[in-house]
Amino acid sequence: MIEHIVIGDLSQCQRLFHGRGHYYEHLAHVNVDWLAPVVLITLYQEVEQTWLNAQAQWLYDNVDSCQSVQVQYRCRAKAPTELLLGDNIEQTIVTELGLKYQLEFGKAQNTGLFLDMRNGRQWVLDNSQNKSVLNLFAYTCGFSVAAIAGGANKTINFDMSKASLAKGRDNHRLNQQDTKKVVFEGVDIFKSNGRIKKYGGYDVIICDPPSFQKGSVNIQRDYGKLIRRIPQWANANADIMLCLNSPDLDRDFLLNNVKEHCPECVYQTDIAPPAVFKEAQQGKGLKVLLFKYLV
């Protein structure tokens, strides 16, 4: 693994190695992230301890300012995190695109920021001036932080997890942003159309749903339900960002759903993830498509 790692600007959080794309033979079970001052190795299957220790030592020695190497076992129940080398750091504040985010290790499956969406947050940062932004499945509000930094008039964040939204509020405060411009709604998006419409219309709509959550989301079944509501939410000429994380659904799934449920949305372009997220088979990784709502 270590021979494939290219260490870039360590002032920015980033993926150092992306094995999950199956681009590197025999390493599809490994990811490595730089979340300063922590290197986090994520494993999707068990490995030999001697191999893991050797990777950890190399990372500890070669990643400048690394104070901790940790491993998260996604292959084990509850995805536990263990310390391999250095300090036992449970929280950190990372920087991306000049913005700060608070992350946690060992408390949940995800640390608090999806690194493959960096270019999506860059687009929002660059295209939110004087806009009203709807952020669906907001998680810890990374898009909202980028939108306010980019000059948005207001952002409306919807997510079923109130705990994630509380972290999102902390992220806004961490960046010294005016939270009077930000709304946090901890509700079921599929049952809250009235609330979503209440704050509209929107100039930018971002939809980044999970692929599957038991009892709430099956995106193959449910994405069309969201897309058909765009005319109720969007202002004329609104930008629509539709995201898809499922490796089993390709970008045509999004294009076909838009054609069927909201043909007024005209495809503009794709936003690719950072170059480190190499995929052996096109279409398996993150898909982010931009549309313009033309009425």
C-alpha atoms as a PDB file:
ATOM      1  CA  MET A   1       0.000   0.000   0.000  1.00  0.00           C
ATOM      2  CA  ILE A   2       2.633   2.523   1.059  1.00  0.00           C
ATOM      3  CA  GLU A   3       4.237   2.577  -2.389  1.00  0.00           C
ATOM      4  CA  HIS A   4       1.019   4.079  -3.800  1.00  0.00           C
ATOM      5  CA  ILE A   5       0.706   6.920  -1.282  1.00  0.00           C
ATOM      6  CA  VAL A   6       1.436  10.424  -2.538  1.00  0.00           C
ATOM      7  CA  ILE A   7       1.516  12.933   0.294  1.00  0.00           C
ATOM      8  CA  GLY A   8       0.191  16.329  -0.727  1.00  0.00           C
ATOM      9  CA  ASP A   9      -0.553  19.546   1.151  1.00  0.00           C
ATOM     10  CA  LEU A  10      -0.911  18.359   4.717  1.00  0.00           C
ATOM     11  CA  SER A  11      -2.561  21.608   5.803  1.00  0.00           C
ATOM     12  CA  GLN A  12      -5.693  20.168   4.148  1.00  0.00           C
ATOM     13  CA  CYS A  13      -7.560  17.046   5.207  1.00  0.00           C
ATOM     14  CA  GLN A  14      -7.486  14.463   2.444  1.00  0.00           C
ATOM     15  CA  ARG A  15      -7.541  10.831   1.448  1.00  0.00           C
ATOM     16  CA  LEU A  16      -4.022   9.482   1.137  1.00  0.00           C
ATOM     17  CA  PHE A  17      -4.946   6.114  -0.306  1.00  0.00           C
ATOM     18  CA  HIS A  18      -8.225   4.881  -1.809  1.00  0.00           C
ATOM     19  CA  GLY A  19      -8.341   1.140  -2.072  1.00  0.00           C
ATOM     20  CA  ARG A  20     -12.129   0.803  -2.116  1.00  0.00           C
ATOM     21  CA  GLY A  21     -12.209   1.709  -5.785  1.00  0.00           C
ATOM     22  CA  HIS A  22     -10.583  -1.655  -6.628  1.00  0.00           C
ATOM     23  CA  TYR A  23      -7.971   0.205  -8.677  1.00  0.00           C
ATOM     24  CA  TYR A  24      -5.097  -1.339  -6.723  1.00  0.00           C
ATOM     25  CA  GLU A  25      -4.900  -5.113  -6.792  1.00  0.00           C
ATOM     26  CA  HIS A  26      -5.444  -6.881  -3.461  1.00  0.00           C
ATOM     27  CA  LEU A  27      -6.019  -3.564  -1.624  1.00  0.00           C
ATOM     28  CA  ALA A  28      -9.759  -2.993  -2.075  1.00  0.00           C
ATOM     29  CA  HIS A  29     -10.241  -3.418   1.669  1.00  0.00           C
ATOM     30  CA  VAL A  30      -8.082  -0.420   2.706  1.00  0.00           C
ATOM     31  CA  ASN A  31      -8.489   3.360   2.824  1.00  0.00           C
ATOM     32  CA  VAL A  32      -6.121   5.844   4.483  1.00  0.00           C
ATOM     33  CA  ASP A  33      -7.119   9.392   5.452  1.00  0.00           C
ATOM     34  CA  TRP A  34      -5.169  12.381   6.761  1.00  0.00           C
ATOM     35  CA  LEU A  35      -7.248  14.127   9.398  1.00  0.00           C
ATOM     36  CA  ALA A  36      -4.590  16.249  11.033  1.00  0.00           C
ATOM     37  CA  PRO A  37      -2.887  15.315  13.258  1.00  0.00           C
ATOM     38  CA  VAL A  38      -4.332  11.808  12.814  1.00  0.00           C
ATOM     39  CA  VAL A  39      -3.769   9.229  10.085  1.00  0.00           C
ATOM     40  CA  LEU A  40      -6.827   6.964   9.998  1.00  0.00           C
ATOM     41  CA  ILE A  41      -6.592   3.557   8.337  1.00  0.00           C
ATOM     42  CA  THR A  42      -9.983   2.050   7.528  1.00  0.00           C
ATOM     43  CA  LEU A  43     -10.238  -1.708   6.987  1.00  0.00           C
ATOM     44  CA  TYR A  44     -13.131  -3.520   5.347  1.00  0.00           C
ATOM     45  CA  GLN A  45     -11.672  -6.974   6.003  1.00  0.00           C
ATOM     46  CA  GLU A  46      -9.248  -8.402   8.522  1.00  0.00           C
ATOM     47  CA  VAL A  47      -5.497  -8.161   7.824  1.00  0.00           C
ATOM     48  CA  GLU A  48      -2.358  -9.605   9.366  1.00  0.00           C
ATOM     49  CA  GLN A  49      -1.221  -7.553  12.329  1.00  0.00           C
ATOM     50  CA  THR A  50       2.401  -7.479  11.160  1.00  0.00           C
ATOM     51  CA  TRP A  51       1.337  -5.953   7.829  1.00  0.00           C
ATOM     52  CA  LEU A  52      -0.856  -3.396   9.584  1.00  0.00           C
ATOM     53  CA  ASN A  53       1.899  -2.451  12.013  1.00  0.00           C
ATOM     54  CA  ALA A  54       4.367  -1.943   9.160  1.00  0.00           C
ATOM     55  CA  GLN A  55       1.949   0.377   7.305  1.00  0.00           C
ATOM     56  CA  ALA A  56       1.270   2.314  10.499  1.00  0.00           C
ATOM     57  CA  GLN A  57       4.959   2.783  11.241  1.00  0.00           C
ATOM     58  CA  TRP A  58       5.683   4.043   7.723  1.00  0.00           C
ATOM     59  CA  LEU A  59       2.806   6.522   7.907  1.00  0.00           C
ATOM     60  CA  TYR A  60       3.838   7.701  11.368  1.00  0.00           C
ATOM     61  CA  ASP A  61       7.395   8.266  10.161  1.00  0.00           C
ATOM     62  CA  ASN A  62       6.625   9.855   6.774  1.00  0.00           C
ATOM     63  CA  VAL A  63       3.534  12.010   7.272  1.00  0.00           C
ATOM     64  CA  ASP A  64       4.860  15.244   8.739  1.00  0.00           C
ATOM     65  CA  SER A  65       3.160  16.383  11.962  1.00  0.00           C
ATOM     66  CA  CYS A  66       1.392  13.047  12.383  1.00  0.00           C
ATOM     67  CA  GLN A  67       0.773  12.507  16.083  1.00  0.00           C
ATOM     68  CA  SER A  68      -1.471   9.463  15.917  1.00  0.00           C
ATOM     69  CA  VAL A  69      -2.140   6.473  13.651  1.00  0.00           C
ATOM     70  CA  GLN A  70      -5.481   4.803  14.256  1.00  0.00           C
ATOM     71  CA  VAL A  71      -7.369   1.977  12.576  1.00  0.00           C
ATOM     72  CA  GLN A  72     -11.098   1.600  12.177  1.00  0.00           C
ATOM     73  CA  TYR A  73     -12.407  -1.910  11.562  1.00  0.00           C
ATOM     74  CA  ARG A  74     -15.466  -1.536   9.330  1.00  0.00           C
ATOM     75  CA  CYS A  75     -15.350  -5.326   9.058  1.00  0.00           C
ATOM     76  CA  ARG A  76     -16.241  -5.719  12.751  1.00  0.00           C
ATOM     77  CA  ALA A  77     -19.469  -5.139  14.606  1.00  0.00           C
ATOM     78  CA  LYS A  78     -19.986  -1.460  15.484  1.00  0.00           C
ATOM     79  CA  ALA A  79     -16.854  -0.491  13.480  1.00  0.00           C
ATOM     80  CA  PRO A  80     -14.487  -0.041  16.454  1.00  0.00           C
ATOM     81  CA  THR A  81     -11.453   2.244  16.282  1.00  0.00           C
ATOM     82  CA  GLU A  82      -8.099   1.360  17.857  1.00  0.00           C
ATOM     83  CA  LEU A  83      -4.863   3.259  18.407  1.00  0.00           C
ATOM     84  CA  LEU A  84      -1.827   1.845  16.601  1.00  0.00           C
ATOM     85  CA  LEU A  85       0.859   4.470  17.238  1.00  0.00           C
ATOM     86  CA  GLY A  86       1.206   7.815  18.981  1.00  0.00           C
ATOM     87  CA  ASP A  87      -1.345   9.739  20.993  1.00  0.00           C
ATOM     88  CA  ASN A  88      -4.904   8.591  21.638  1.00  0.00           C
ATOM     89  CA  ILE A  89      -6.664  11.529  19.975  1.00  0.00           C
ATOM     90  CA  GLU A  90     -10.471  11.346  20.070  1.00  0.00           C
ATOM     91  CA  GLN A  91     -11.314  14.701  18.474  1.00  0.00           C
ATOM     92  CA  THR A  92      -9.650  17.043  16.026  1.00  0.00           C
ATOM     93  CA  ILE A  93     -10.358  20.113  13.918  1.00  0.00           C
ATOM     94  CA  VAL A  94      -9.392  19.770  10.271  1.00  0.00           C
ATOM     95  CA  THR A  95      -9.160  22.329   7.481  1.00  0.00           C
ATOM     96  CA  GLU A  96     -10.531  22.041   3.953  1.00  0.00           C
ATOM     97  CA  LEU A  97     -10.745  24.894   1.440  1.00  0.00           C
ATOM     98  CA  GLY A  98     -10.016  27.342   4.230  1.00  0.00           C
ATOM     99  CA  LEU A  99     -12.915  26.078   6.351  1.00  0.00           C
ATOM    100  CA  LYS A 100     -12.784  24.146   9.608  1.00  0.00           C
ATOM    101  CA  TYR A 101     -14.654  21.000  10.648  1.00  0.00           C
ATOM    102  CA  GLN A 102     -14.685  19.162  13.951  1.00  0.00           C
ATOM    103  CA  LEU A 103     -14.209  15.391  13.661  1.00  0.00           C
ATOM    104  CA  GLU A 104     -14.435  12.533  16.142  1.00  0.00           C
ATOM    105  CA  PHE A 105     -12.762   9.133  16.225  1.00  0.00           C
ATOM    106  CA  GLY A 106     -14.284   6.007  17.713  1.00  0.00           C
ATOM    107  CA  LYS A 107     -17.714   7.495  18.417  1.00  0.00           C
ATOM    108  CA  ALA A 108     -19.511   6.598  15.175  1.00  0.00           C
ATOM    109  CA  GLN A 109     -18.901   4.847  11.883  1.00  0.00           C
ATOM    110  CA  ASN A 110     -18.119   8.152  10.124  1.00  0.00           C
ATOM    111  CA  THR A 111     -15.830  10.857  11.506  1.00  0.00           C
ATOM    112  CA  GLY A 112     -17.933  13.827  10.356  1.00  0.00           C
ATOM    113  CA  LEU A 113     -16.745  14.773   6.839  1.00  0.00           C
ATOM    114  CA  PHE A 114     -16.860  12.817   3.572  1.00  0.00           C
ATOM    115  CA  LEU A 115     -13.598  13.560   1.792  1.00  0.00           C
ATOM    116  CA  ASP A 116     -14.776  12.440  -1.652  1.00  0.00           C
ATOM    117  CA  MET A 117     -17.246  15.369  -1.691  1.00  0.00           C
ATOM    118  CA  ARG A 118     -14.531  18.028  -1.482  1.00  0.00           C
ATOM    119  CA  ASN A 119     -15.059  19.229  -5.073  1.00  0.00           C
ATOM    120  CA  GLY A 120     -18.789  19.434  -4.449  1.00  0.00           C
ATOM    121  CA  ARG A 121     -18.176  21.693  -1.471  1.00  0.00           C
ATOM    122  CA  GLN A 122     -15.816  23.743  -3.642  1.00  0.00           C
ATOM    123  CA  TRP A 123     -18.611  24.229  -6.199  1.00  0.00           C
ATOM    124  CA  VAL A 124     -21.022  25.332  -3.461  1.00  0.00           C
ATOM    125  CA  LEU A 125     -18.411  27.731  -2.070  1.00  0.00           C
ATOM    126  CA  ASP A 126     -18.024  29.263  -5.536  1.00  0.00           C
ATOM    127  CA  ASN A 127     -21.720  29.420  -6.484  1.00  0.00           C
ATOM    128  CA  SER A 128     -23.716  30.521  -3.429  1.00  0.00           C
ATOM    129  CA  GLN A 129     -23.315  34.300  -3.458  1.00  0.00           C
ATOM    130  CA  ASN A 130     -26.659  35.898  -2.484  1.00  0.00           C
ATOM    131  CA  LYS A 131     -28.417  32.528  -2.860  1.00  0.00           C
ATOM    132  CA  SER A 132     -30.967  30.647  -0.771  1.00  0.00           C
ATOM    133  CA  VAL A 133     -29.641  27.098  -0.316  1.00  0.00           C
ATOM    134  CA  LEU A 134     -31.563  23.924   0.551  1.00  0.00           C
ATOM    135  CA  ASN A 135     -29.344  21.144   1.937  1.00  0.00           C
ATOM    136  CA  LEU A 136     -31.126  17.781   2.106  1.00  0.00           C
ATOM    137  CA  PHE A 137     -29.569  14.927   4.122  1.00  0.00           C
ATOM    138  CA  ALA A 138     -27.294  17.572   5.586  1.00  0.00           C
ATOM    139  CA  TYR A 139     -25.342  15.330   8.004  1.00  0.00           C
ATOM    140  CA  THR A 140     -22.884  17.707   9.757  1.00  0.00           C
ATOM    141  CA  CYS A 141     -23.666  20.553   7.333  1.00  0.00           C
ATOM    142  CA  GLY A 142     -20.469  20.662   5.271  1.00  0.00           C
ATOM    143  CA  PHE A 143     -22.356  22.050   2.274  1.00  0.00           C
ATOM    144  CA  SER A 144     -24.036  24.634   4.480  1.00  0.00           C
ATOM    145  CA  VAL A 145     -20.717  25.821   5.917  1.00  0.00           C
ATOM    146  CA  ALA A 146     -19.365  26.167   2.363  1.00  0.00           C
ATOM    147  CA  ALA A 147     -22.491  28.011   1.218  1.00  0.00           C
ATOM    148  CA  ILE A 148     -22.374  30.582   4.020  1.00  0.00           C
ATOM    149  CA  ALA A 149     -18.643  31.058   3.410  1.00  0.00           C
ATOM    150  CA  GLY A 150     -19.518  31.647  -0.237  1.00  0.00           C
ATOM    151  CA  GLY A 151     -21.959  34.434   0.597  1.00  0.00           C
ATOM    152  CA  ALA A 152     -25.313  32.635   0.746  1.00  0.00           C
ATOM    153  CA  ASN A 153     -28.208  34.627   2.174  1.00  0.00           C
ATOM    154  CA  LYS A 154     -29.512  31.589   4.042  1.00  0.00           C
ATOM    155  CA  THR A 155     -29.101  27.820   4.209  1.00  0.00           C
ATOM    156  CA  ILE A 156     -31.785  25.349   5.278  1.00  0.00           C
ATOM    157  CA  ASN A 157     -30.471  21.998   6.534  1.00  0.00           C
ATOM    158  CA  PHE A 158     -32.688  18.919   6.773  1.00  0.00           C
ATOM    159  CA  ASP A 159     -31.572  15.637   8.306  1.00  0.00           C
ATOM    160  CA  MET A 160     -33.258  12.987  10.427  1.00  0.00           C
ATOM    161  CA  SER A 161     -30.310  12.962  12.839  1.00  0.00           C
ATOM    162  CA  LYS A 162     -30.552  15.854  15.285  1.00  0.00           C
ATOM    163  CA  ALA A 163     -27.158  14.829  16.706  1.00  0.00           C
ATOM    164  CA  SER A 164     -25.542  15.323  13.278  1.00  0.00           C
ATOM    165  CA  LEU A 165     -27.233  18.704  12.891  1.00  0.00           C
ATOM    166  CA  ALA A 166     -25.947  19.737  16.328  1.00  0.00           C
ATOM    167  CA  LYS A 167     -22.437  19.020  15.062  1.00  0.00           C
ATOM    168  CA  GLY A 168     -23.309  21.040  11.973  1.00  0.00           C
ATOM    169  CA  ARG A 169     -24.229  23.989  14.150  1.00  0.00           C
ATOM    170  CA  ASP A 170     -20.875  23.615  15.893  1.00  0.00           C
ATOM    171  CA  ASN A 171     -19.139  23.636  12.498  1.00  0.00           C
ATOM    172  CA  HIS A 172     -20.803  26.934  11.604  1.00  0.00           C
ATOM    173  CA  ARG A 173     -19.750  28.432  14.933  1.00  0.00           C
ATOM    174  CA  LEU A 174     -16.240  27.053  14.499  1.00  0.00           C
ATOM    175  CA  ASN A 175     -15.998  29.138  11.316  1.00  0.00           C
ATOM    176  CA  GLN A 176     -17.451  32.201  13.086  1.00  0.00           C
ATOM    177  CA  GLN A 177     -20.463  32.227  10.769  1.00  0.00           C
ATOM    178  CA  ASP A 178     -23.756  33.942  11.496  1.00  0.00           C
ATOM    179  CA  THR A 179     -26.088  31.104  12.514  1.00  0.00           C
ATOM    180  CA  LYS A 180     -29.079  33.443  12.098  1.00  0.00           C
ATOM    181  CA  LYS A 181     -28.666  32.701   8.391  1.00  0.00           C
ATOM    182  CA  VAL A 182     -28.858  28.951   9.022  1.00  0.00           C
ATOM    183  CA  VAL A 183     -31.844  26.702   9.803  1.00  0.00           C
ATOM    184  CA  PHE A 184     -31.519  23.172  11.197  1.00  0.00           C
ATOM    185  CA  GLU A 185     -34.515  20.823  10.831  1.00  0.00           C
ATOM    186  CA  GLY A 186     -34.162  17.374  12.390  1.00  0.00           C
ATOM    187  CA  VAL A 187     -37.044  15.626  10.639  1.00  0.00           C
ATOM    188  CA  ASP A 188     -37.815  12.874   8.131  1.00  0.00           C
ATOM    189  CA  ILE A 189     -37.386  14.550   4.745  1.00  0.00           C
ATOM    190  CA  PHE A 190     -39.914  12.260   3.086  1.00  0.00           C
ATOM    191  CA  LYS A 191     -42.591  13.327   5.594  1.00  0.00           C
ATOM    192  CA  SER A 192     -41.736  17.039   5.766  1.00  0.00           C
ATOM    193  CA  ASN A 193     -42.564  18.553   2.392  1.00  0.00           C
ATOM    194  CA  GLY A 194     -44.537  21.310   4.084  1.00  0.00           C
ATOM    195  CA  ARG A 195     -41.555  22.398   6.140  1.00  0.00           C
ATOM    196  CA  ILE A 196     -39.257  22.287   3.129  1.00  0.00           C
ATOM    197  CA  LYS A 197     -41.622  24.484   1.127  1.00  0.00           C
ATOM    198  CA  LYS A 198     -42.014  26.856   4.079  1.00  0.00           C
ATOM    199  CA  TYR A 199     -38.468  28.189   3.728  1.00  0.00           C
ATOM    200  CA  GLY A 200     -38.426  28.266  -0.098  1.00  0.00           C
ATOM    201  CA  GLY A 201     -38.065  28.967  -2.882  1.00  0.00           C
ATOM    202  CA  TYR A 202     -34.467  27.991  -3.274  1.00  0.00           C
ATOM    203  CA  ASP A 203     -31.755  29.090  -5.678  1.00  0.00           C
ATOM    204  CA  VAL A 204     -29.551  26.073  -4.923  1.00  0.00           C
ATOM    205  CA  ILE A 205     -30.821  22.608  -3.960  1.00  0.00           C
ATOM    206  CA  ILE A 206     -28.371  19.955  -2.764  1.00  0.00           C
ATOM    207  CA  CYS A 207     -29.515  16.366  -2.301  1.00  0.00           C
ATOM    208  CA  ASP A 208     -26.918  13.926  -0.951  1.00  0.00           C
ATOM    209  CA  PRO A 209     -28.868  10.955   0.400  1.00  0.00           C
ATOM    210  CA  PRO A 210     -27.511   7.747   1.893  1.00  0.00           C
ATOM    211  CA  SER A 211     -27.940   4.734  -0.363  1.00  0.00           C
ATOM    212  CA  PHE A 212     -29.809   2.826   2.316  1.00  0.00           C
ATOM    213  CA  GLN A 213     -30.951   3.355   5.883  1.00  0.00           C
ATOM    214  CA  LYS A 214     -33.138   0.680   7.404  1.00  0.00           C
ATOM    215  CA  GLY A 215     -36.674   1.938   7.876  1.00  0.00           C
ATOM    216  CA  SER A 216     -36.100   5.329   6.254  1.00  0.00           C
ATOM    217  CA  VAL A 217     -34.212   5.414   2.937  1.00  0.00           C
ATOM    218  CA  ASN A 218     -33.853   3.059  -0.003  1.00  0.00           C
ATOM    219  CA  ILE A 219     -32.517   5.434  -2.598  1.00  0.00           C
ATOM    220  CA  GLN A 220     -33.204   3.198  -5.592  1.00  0.00           C
ATOM    221  CA  ARG A 221     -36.869   3.276  -4.593  1.00  0.00           C
ATOM    222  CA  ASP A 222     -37.032   6.786  -3.148  1.00  0.00           C
ATOM    223  CA  TYR A 223     -34.931   9.191  -5.230  1.00  0.00           C
ATOM    224  CA  GLY A 224     -37.753   9.818  -7.675  1.00  0.00           C
ATOM    225  CA  LYS A 225     -39.995  10.956  -4.804  1.00  0.00           C
ATOM    226  CA  LEU A 226     -37.542  13.761  -4.063  1.00  0.00           C
ATOM    227  CA  ILE A 227     -36.892  14.738  -7.676  1.00  0.00           C
ATOM    228  CA  ARG A 228     -40.587  15.139  -8.481  1.00  0.00           C
ATOM    229  CA  ARG A 229     -40.871  17.720  -5.682  1.00  0.00           C
ATOM    230  CA  ILE A 230     -38.217  20.020  -7.128  1.00  0.00           C
ATOM    231  CA  PRO A 231     -40.857  22.230  -8.848  1.00  0.00           C
ATOM    232  CA  GLN A 232     -42.389  22.855  -5.406  1.00  0.00           C
ATOM    233  CA  TRP A 233     -39.043  23.953  -3.972  1.00  0.00           C
ATOM    234  CA  ALA A 234     -36.973  25.605  -6.670  1.00  0.00           C
ATOM    235  CA  ASN A 235     -36.895  29.149  -7.967  1.00  0.00           C
ATOM    236  CA  ALA A 236     -36.563  29.604 -11.715  1.00  0.00           C
ATOM    237  CA  ASN A 237     -32.996  28.924 -12.904  1.00  0.00           C
ATOM    238  CA  ALA A 238     -32.102  27.210  -9.636  1.00  0.00           C
ATOM    239  CA  ASP A 239     -29.002  25.026  -9.549  1.00  0.00           C
ATOM    240  CA  ILE A 240     -29.756  21.436  -8.546  1.00  0.00           C
ATOM    241  CA  MET A 241     -26.962  19.185  -7.244  1.00  0.00           C
ATOM    242  CA  LEU A 242     -27.948  15.517  -7.124  1.00  0.00           C
ATOM    243  CA  CYS A 243     -25.517  13.099  -5.486  1.00  0.00           C
ATOM    244  CA  LEU A 244     -25.407   9.314  -5.576  1.00  0.00           C
ATOM    245  CA  ASN A 245     -23.136   7.163  -3.418  1.00  0.00           C
ATOM    246  CA  SER A 246     -24.324   3.674  -4.363  1.00  0.00           C
ATOM    247  CA  PRO A 247     -21.743   1.564  -6.259  1.00  0.00           C
ATOM    248  CA  ASP A 248     -24.653  -0.417  -7.733  1.00  0.00           C
ATOM    249  CA  LEU A 249     -26.352   2.576  -9.397  1.00  0.00           C
ATOM    250  CA  ASP A 250     -24.699   4.619 -12.138  1.00  0.00           C
ATOM    251  CA  ARG A 251     -25.195   8.202 -13.292  1.00  0.00           C
ATOM    252  CA  ASP A 252     -27.840   7.070 -15.792  1.00  0.00           C
ATOM    253  CA  PHE A 253     -30.003   6.219 -12.793  1.00  0.00           C
ATOM    254  CA  LEU A 254     -30.017   9.918 -11.886  1.00  0.00           C
ATOM    255  CA  LEU A 255     -30.450  11.118 -15.460  1.00  0.00           C
ATOM    256  CA  ASN A 256     -33.382   8.772 -16.046  1.00  0.00           C
ATOM    257  CA  ASN A 257     -35.076   9.751 -12.787  1.00  0.00           C
ATOM    258  CA  VAL A 258     -34.756  13.435 -13.645  1.00  0.00           C
ATOM    259  CA  LYS A 259     -36.104  12.845 -17.155  1.00  0.00           C
ATOM    260  CA  GLU A 260     -39.100  11.003 -15.730  1.00  0.00           C
ATOM    261  CA  HIS A 261     -39.898  13.058 -12.651  1.00  0.00           C
ATOM    262  CA  CYS A 262     -38.649  16.596 -13.396  1.00  0.00           C
ATOM    263  CA  PRO A 263     -37.799  17.136 -17.075  1.00  0.00           C
ATOM    264  CA  GLU A 264     -37.549  20.876 -16.397  1.00  0.00           C
ATOM    265  CA  CYS A 265     -34.166  20.100 -14.829  1.00  0.00           C
ATOM    266  CA  VAL A 266     -31.582  20.311 -17.614  1.00  0.00           C
ATOM    267  CA  TYR A 267     -28.269  18.527 -17.138  1.00  0.00           C
ATOM    268  CA  GLN A 268     -25.234  20.825 -16.939  1.00  0.00           C
ATOM    269  CA  THR A 269     -22.144  18.879 -15.871  1.00  0.00           C
ATOM    270  CA  ASP A 270     -20.628  16.296 -13.519  1.00  0.00           C
ATOM    271  CA  ILE A 271     -18.476  17.157 -10.510  1.00  0.00           C
ATOM    272  CA  ALA A 272     -15.755  14.530 -10.179  1.00  0.00           C
ATOM    273  CA  PRO A 273     -14.282  13.574  -6.795  1.00  0.00           C
ATOM    274  CA  PRO A 274     -10.604  14.378  -6.086  1.00  0.00           C
ATOM    275  CA  ALA A 275      -8.117  12.489  -8.260  1.00  0.00           C
ATOM    276  CA  VAL A 276      -7.018  10.193  -5.423  1.00  0.00           C
ATOM    277  CA  PHE A 277     -10.430   8.472  -5.546  1.00  0.00           C
ATOM    278  CA  LYS A 278      -9.449   6.180  -8.416  1.00  0.00           C
ATOM    279  CA  GLU A 279     -12.004   3.603  -9.530  1.00  0.00           C
ATOM    280  CA  ALA A 280     -11.177   0.465 -11.501  1.00  0.00           C
ATOM    281  CA  GLN A 281     -14.660   0.492 -13.032  1.00  0.00           C
ATOM    282  CA  GLN A 282     -16.246   3.740 -14.132  1.00  0.00           C
ATOM    283  CA  GLY A 283     -19.471   4.618 -12.357  1.00  0.00           C
ATOM    284  CA  LYS A 284     -18.841   2.724  -9.126  1.00  0.00           C
ATOM    285  CA  GLY A 285     -17.715   5.719  -7.078  1.00  0.00           C
ATOM    286  CA  LEU A 286     -19.440   8.918  -6.031  1.00  0.00           C
ATOM    287  CA  LYS A 287     -21.630  10.548  -8.693  1.00  0.00           C
ATOM    288  CA  VAL A 288     -22.434  14.265  -8.478  1.00  0.00           C
ATOM    289  CA  LEU A 289     -24.524  15.781 -11.280  1.00  0.00           C
ATOM    290  CA  LEU A 290     -25.537  19.412 -11.714  1.00  0.00           C
ATOM    291  CA  PHE A 291     -28.815  20.483 -13.296  1.00  0.00           C
ATOM    292  CA  LYS A 292     -30.472  23.820 -14.024  1.00  0.00           C
ATOM    293  CA  TYR A 293     -34.188  24.192 -13.303  1.00  0.00           C
ATOM    294  CA  LEU A 294     -35.505  25.928 -16.398  1.00  0.00           C
ATOM    295  CA  VAL A 295     -39.159  27.042 -16.367  1.00  0.00           C
END
